[in-house]
Amino acid sequence: MSKHSAKKNSAADLSKNPDLLFRVTESYKVARTNVMFSLLKEGCKRAVISSPMAGEGKSMTAVHLSVALAETDAKVLLIDADLRKPKVNQYFKLKNTPGLTNYLGHLCRKEDILHKTEYSNLTVACAGVTVPNPSELLASGKMKAFLDEIGGQFDYVIIDTPPLNVVADALPLIKNSDGVILVVRSGISTYPELNKTVKSLEMVNAKILGIILNAVEQKDGHSGYGYGKYGYYGSYGTYGS
């Protein structure tokens, strides 16, 4: 995928290492293919991207996966629903407002928060102004109506959410999606935290589409691990955060 969608320092690292760039690109293509085959349905497909804890690379993964999907000529909307610590706007050098909270708070129109990017098929909805009640906004009827309405304009809606073991903001969005992709980070994530996340999702009957292992040191061939009945989507080199 293009280095321009990554953070500045990560893009510079990739440009200096063609082998790493190739591995990252191919890994996201693998993830894209698995996502497409996991969401075989008519109409708009919705996937939530989350992680057990902070710092595991979920926002970076949401960005790069959205770009990879857009490169197939699919119309993609990436929503930054991490209202507490939004990052998606930084990857695309966009202003964070007006964004999702502005719309949900009746401060702007839906059209005002849909930002075009340098990728012709990728649109971004940033998080918006900081609010005191992010969980309530994301669980509101207006948020559900927004997702239902916006689905008619896109083939995929990718939603970046806060870590599941930190706050419960993501759960209502997962219930209104076709499934969740978990991002874990080599050397940072722990099996107890991942187990806690999986059990929480199983309790609400959430569909886990797969697990992405981020920041893997690759030497000979691909490395990584599976997790029970949930698919492993690929490893991504020592890249990003």
Protein backbone atom coordinates (compact mmCIF):
# COMPACT_ATOMS: atom_id res chain seq x y z
CA MET A 1 0.00 0.00 0.00
CA SER A 2 1.06 3.60 -0.37
CA LYS A 3 3.43 4.97 2.23
CA HIS A 4 1.61 8.31 2.14
CA SER A 5 -1.24 7.07 4.32
CA ALA A 6 1.02 6.26 7.25
CA LYS A 7 2.45 8.51 9.87
CA LYS A 8 5.36 10.57 8.67
CA ASN A 9 8.09 8.75 10.57
CA SER A 10 6.70 5.33 9.63
CA ALA A 11 6.55 6.31 5.96
CA ALA A 12 10.16 7.42 6.08
CA ASP A 13 11.22 4.10 7.62
CA LEU A 14 9.43 2.19 4.89
CA SER A 15 10.91 4.25 2.08
CA LYS A 16 14.38 3.37 3.34
CA ASN A 17 13.61 -0.34 3.50
CA PRO A 18 12.08 -1.73 0.28
CA ASP A 19 11.95 -5.26 1.71
CA LEU A 20 9.94 -4.08 4.72
CA LEU A 21 7.65 -2.05 2.46
CA PHE A 22 7.00 -5.16 0.35
CA ARG A 23 6.24 -7.30 3.42
CA VAL A 24 3.90 -4.68 4.87
CA THR A 25 2.11 -4.27 1.54
CA GLU A 26 1.67 -7.99 1.03
CA SER A 27 0.52 -8.53 4.61
CA TYR A 28 -2.26 -5.97 4.25
CA LYS A 29 -3.31 -7.59 0.99
CA VAL A 30 -3.61 -10.88 2.87
CA ALA A 31 -5.69 -9.16 5.55
CA ARG A 32 -7.84 -7.50 2.89
CA THR A 33 -8.52 -10.82 1.18
CA ASN A 34 -9.47 -12.51 4.43
CA VAL A 35 -11.79 -9.65 5.37
CA MET A 36 -13.49 -9.78 1.99
CA PHE A 37 -14.07 -13.53 2.29
CA SER A 38 -15.25 -13.15 5.89
CA LEU A 39 -17.91 -10.63 4.86
CA LEU A 40 -19.68 -12.37 2.00
CA LYS A 41 -23.00 -10.54 1.98
CA GLU A 42 -24.93 -8.22 -0.27
CA GLY A 43 -24.79 -4.50 0.36
CA CYS A 44 -22.59 -2.61 2.77
CA LYS A 45 -20.20 -4.59 4.99
CA ARG A 46 -19.37 -3.14 8.43
CA ALA A 47 -16.30 -4.15 10.42
CA VAL A 48 -15.10 -2.81 13.76
CA ILE A 49 -11.34 -2.62 14.39
CA SER A 50 -10.36 -2.79 18.05
CA SER A 51 -7.75 -4.19 20.42
CA PRO A 52 -7.56 -5.42 24.01
CA MET A 53 -5.40 -2.54 25.24
CA ALA A 54 -3.95 0.76 24.01
CA GLY A 55 -0.80 0.92 21.88
CA GLU A 56 -1.40 -2.25 19.89
CA GLY A 57 -1.77 -0.60 16.49
CA LYS A 58 -5.52 -0.69 15.88
CA SER A 59 -5.79 2.80 14.33
CA MET A 60 -2.85 2.19 12.01
CA THR A 61 -4.41 -1.13 11.00
CA ALA A 62 -7.81 0.48 10.38
CA VAL A 63 -6.18 3.07 8.12
CA HIS A 64 -4.07 0.66 6.08
CA LEU A 65 -6.85 -1.92 5.77
CA SER A 66 -9.25 0.79 4.56
CA VAL A 67 -6.74 1.92 1.94
CA ALA A 68 -6.17 -1.68 0.82
CA LEU A 69 -9.92 -2.22 0.41
CA ALA A 70 -10.28 1.05 -1.50
CA GLU A 71 -7.58 -0.10 -3.92
CA THR A 72 -9.95 -2.85 -5.10
CA ASP A 73 -12.31 -0.11 -6.39
CA ALA A 74 -14.66 -0.70 -3.46
CA LYS A 75 -16.16 2.42 -1.90
CA VAL A 76 -14.89 2.59 1.68
CA LEU A 77 -15.78 4.79 4.64
CA LEU A 78 -13.37 4.83 7.59
CA ILE A 79 -14.99 6.15 10.79
CA ASP A 80 -12.90 7.27 13.75
CA ALA A 81 -15.12 6.22 16.65
CA ASP A 82 -12.30 6.40 19.19
CA LEU A 83 -13.78 9.59 20.59
CA ARG A 84 -11.42 9.66 23.57
CA LYS A 85 -8.09 9.45 21.71
CA PRO A 86 -8.74 9.96 18.00
CA LYS A 87 -5.85 9.39 15.59
CA VAL A 88 -7.29 8.71 12.15
CA ASN A 89 -7.25 12.37 11.12
CA GLN A 90 -3.49 12.51 11.75
CA TYR A 91 -2.78 9.82 9.17
CA PHE A 92 -4.57 11.79 6.46
CA LYS A 93 -3.60 15.27 7.71
CA LEU A 94 -7.23 16.22 8.23
CA LYS A 95 -8.82 18.44 10.84
CA ASN A 96 -10.60 16.44 13.51
CA THR A 97 -13.66 18.69 13.33
CA PRO A 98 -16.31 18.72 12.13
CA GLY A 99 -16.60 15.03 12.86
CA LEU A 100 -18.78 12.29 14.24
CA THR A 101 -19.55 13.95 17.59
CA ASN A 102 -20.53 17.17 15.84
CA TYR A 103 -23.04 15.28 13.72
CA LEU A 104 -24.40 13.18 16.57
CA GLY A 105 -24.77 16.36 18.63
CA HIS A 106 -26.85 18.01 15.89
CA LEU A 107 -24.12 20.59 15.24
CA CYS A 108 -23.62 19.88 11.54
CA ARG A 109 -24.93 17.92 8.60
CA LYS A 110 -23.88 14.38 7.69
CA GLU A 111 -22.22 15.69 4.54
CA ASP A 112 -19.99 17.99 6.60
CA ILE A 113 -18.14 15.10 8.25
CA LEU A 114 -17.42 13.01 5.14
CA HIS A 115 -13.89 13.98 4.10
CA LYS A 116 -12.42 12.89 0.79
CA THR A 117 -8.85 11.58 0.80
CA GLU A 118 -6.11 11.22 -1.80
CA TYR A 119 -7.55 7.77 -2.53
CA SER A 120 -10.49 8.15 -4.90
CA ASN A 121 -12.60 5.45 -3.21
CA LEU A 122 -11.78 6.23 0.43
CA THR A 123 -13.77 8.66 2.60
CA VAL A 124 -12.98 9.44 6.23
CA ALA A 125 -15.26 10.57 9.06
CA CYS A 126 -13.09 12.01 11.84
CA ALA A 127 -14.01 11.84 15.53
CA GLY A 128 -15.04 15.45 16.05
CA VAL A 129 -15.03 17.70 19.08
CA THR A 130 -14.25 16.14 22.49
CA VAL A 131 -17.40 15.25 24.42
CA PRO A 132 -18.08 14.15 28.03
CA ASN A 133 -20.35 11.24 27.02
CA PRO A 134 -18.71 9.23 24.20
CA SER A 135 -20.26 5.91 25.25
CA GLU A 136 -23.77 7.34 25.19
CA LEU A 137 -23.27 8.95 21.79
CA LEU A 138 -21.98 5.76 20.20
CA ALA A 139 -24.86 3.75 21.69
CA SER A 140 -27.48 6.30 20.62
CA GLY A 141 -30.25 5.76 18.13
CA LYS A 142 -28.80 8.55 16.01
CA MET A 143 -25.53 6.62 15.65
CA LYS A 144 -27.36 3.48 14.56
CA ALA A 145 -29.43 5.53 12.11
CA PHE A 146 -26.26 7.12 10.75
CA LEU A 147 -24.69 3.72 10.08
CA ASP A 148 -27.87 2.42 8.45
CA GLU A 149 -28.20 5.50 6.26
CA ILE A 150 -24.55 5.79 5.28
CA GLY A 151 -24.41 2.13 4.32
CA GLY A 152 -26.22 2.87 1.10
CA GLN A 153 -23.27 4.92 -0.14
CA PHE A 154 -20.40 2.51 0.60
CA ASP A 155 -19.33 -1.08 0.06
CA TYR A 156 -17.37 -1.18 3.32
CA VAL A 157 -17.58 0.79 6.55
CA ILE A 158 -14.52 0.33 8.77
CA ILE A 159 -14.89 1.63 12.34
CA ASP A 160 -11.90 2.34 14.59
CA THR A 161 -12.92 2.08 18.25
CA PRO A 162 -11.29 2.39 21.70
CA PRO A 163 -9.60 -0.68 23.24
CA LEU A 164 -12.16 -3.16 24.53
CA ASN A 165 -10.49 -3.84 27.87
CA VAL A 166 -10.26 -0.12 28.67
CA VAL A 167 -13.78 1.20 27.96
CA ALA A 168 -17.03 -0.30 26.65
CA ASP A 169 -17.54 2.25 23.86
CA ALA A 170 -17.05 -0.32 21.08
CA LEU A 171 -19.69 -2.85 22.17
CA PRO A 172 -22.82 -1.16 20.72
CA LEU A 173 -20.96 -0.56 17.46
CA ILE A 174 -19.92 -4.20 17.30
CA LYS A 175 -23.54 -5.24 17.80
CA ASN A 176 -24.46 -3.05 14.81
CA SER A 177 -21.68 -4.42 12.62
CA ASP A 178 -20.94 -7.64 10.76
CA GLY A 179 -18.06 -8.42 13.08
CA VAL A 180 -14.90 -7.26 14.81
CA ILE A 181 -11.22 -7.59 13.92
CA LEU A 182 -8.88 -7.61 16.91
CA VAL A 183 -5.38 -6.15 16.67
CA VAL A 184 -2.65 -7.38 18.99
CA ARG A 185 0.99 -6.34 19.06
CA SER A 186 3.97 -8.64 19.28
CA GLY A 187 5.92 -8.10 22.49
CA ILE A 188 3.19 -5.88 23.98
CA SER A 189 -0.10 -7.78 24.00
CA THR A 190 -0.62 -10.61 26.48
CA TYR A 191 -2.69 -13.78 26.24
CA PRO A 192 -4.62 -12.96 29.46
CA GLU A 193 -5.72 -9.60 28.01
CA LEU A 194 -6.66 -11.21 24.70
CA ASN A 195 -8.58 -13.95 26.49
CA LYS A 196 -10.46 -11.32 28.49
CA THR A 197 -11.41 -9.51 25.28
CA VAL A 198 -12.55 -12.66 23.51
CA LYS A 199 -14.70 -13.73 26.46
CA SER A 200 -16.31 -10.27 26.62
CA LEU A 201 -17.15 -10.46 22.92
CA GLU A 202 -18.52 -13.98 23.21
CA MET A 203 -20.82 -12.85 26.04
CA VAL A 204 -22.50 -10.37 23.68
CA ASN A 205 -22.53 -12.87 20.79
CA ALA A 206 -20.16 -10.75 18.73
CA LYS A 207 -18.67 -12.26 15.60
CA ILE A 208 -14.87 -12.19 15.70
CA LEU A 209 -13.72 -12.01 12.09
CA GLY A 210 -10.07 -12.58 12.94
CA ILE A 211 -7.00 -11.43 14.81
CA ILE A 212 -4.20 -9.34 13.32
CA LEU A 213 -0.75 -9.71 14.84
CA ASN A 214 1.06 -6.41 14.45
CA ALA A 215 4.78 -5.50 14.63
CA VAL A 216 6.12 -9.01 14.10
CA GLU A 217 9.83 -9.51 13.50
CA GLN A 218 9.97 -11.54 10.28
CA LYS A 219 13.05 -13.50 9.33
CA ASP A 220 12.56 -16.68 7.33
CA GLY A 221 9.05 -16.79 5.97
CA HIS A 222 5.95 -15.54 7.77
CA SER A 223 5.62 -15.62 11.51
CA GLY A 224 2.69 -15.21 13.84
CA TYR A 225 0.06 -17.29 15.57
CA GLY A 226 -3.53 -18.31 15.31
CA TYR A 227 -6.03 -18.13 18.12
CA GLY A 228 -8.42 -21.01 18.49
CA LYS A 229 -11.31 -20.86 16.05
CA TYR A 230 -10.58 -17.24 15.15
CA GLY A 231 -8.53 -16.67 12.03
CA TYR A 232 -5.07 -15.17 11.96
CA TYR A 233 -4.91 -12.44 9.32
CA GLY A 234 -1.22 -11.81 8.79
CA SER A 235 1.92 -10.35 10.25
CA TYR A 236 3.12 -6.86 9.52
CA GLY A 237 6.82 -6.51 10.16
CA THR A 238 8.30 -4.16 12.74
CA TYR A 239 6.15 -1.26 11.68
CA GLY A 240 4.12 1.51 13.21
CA SER A 241 2.25 1.84 16.48
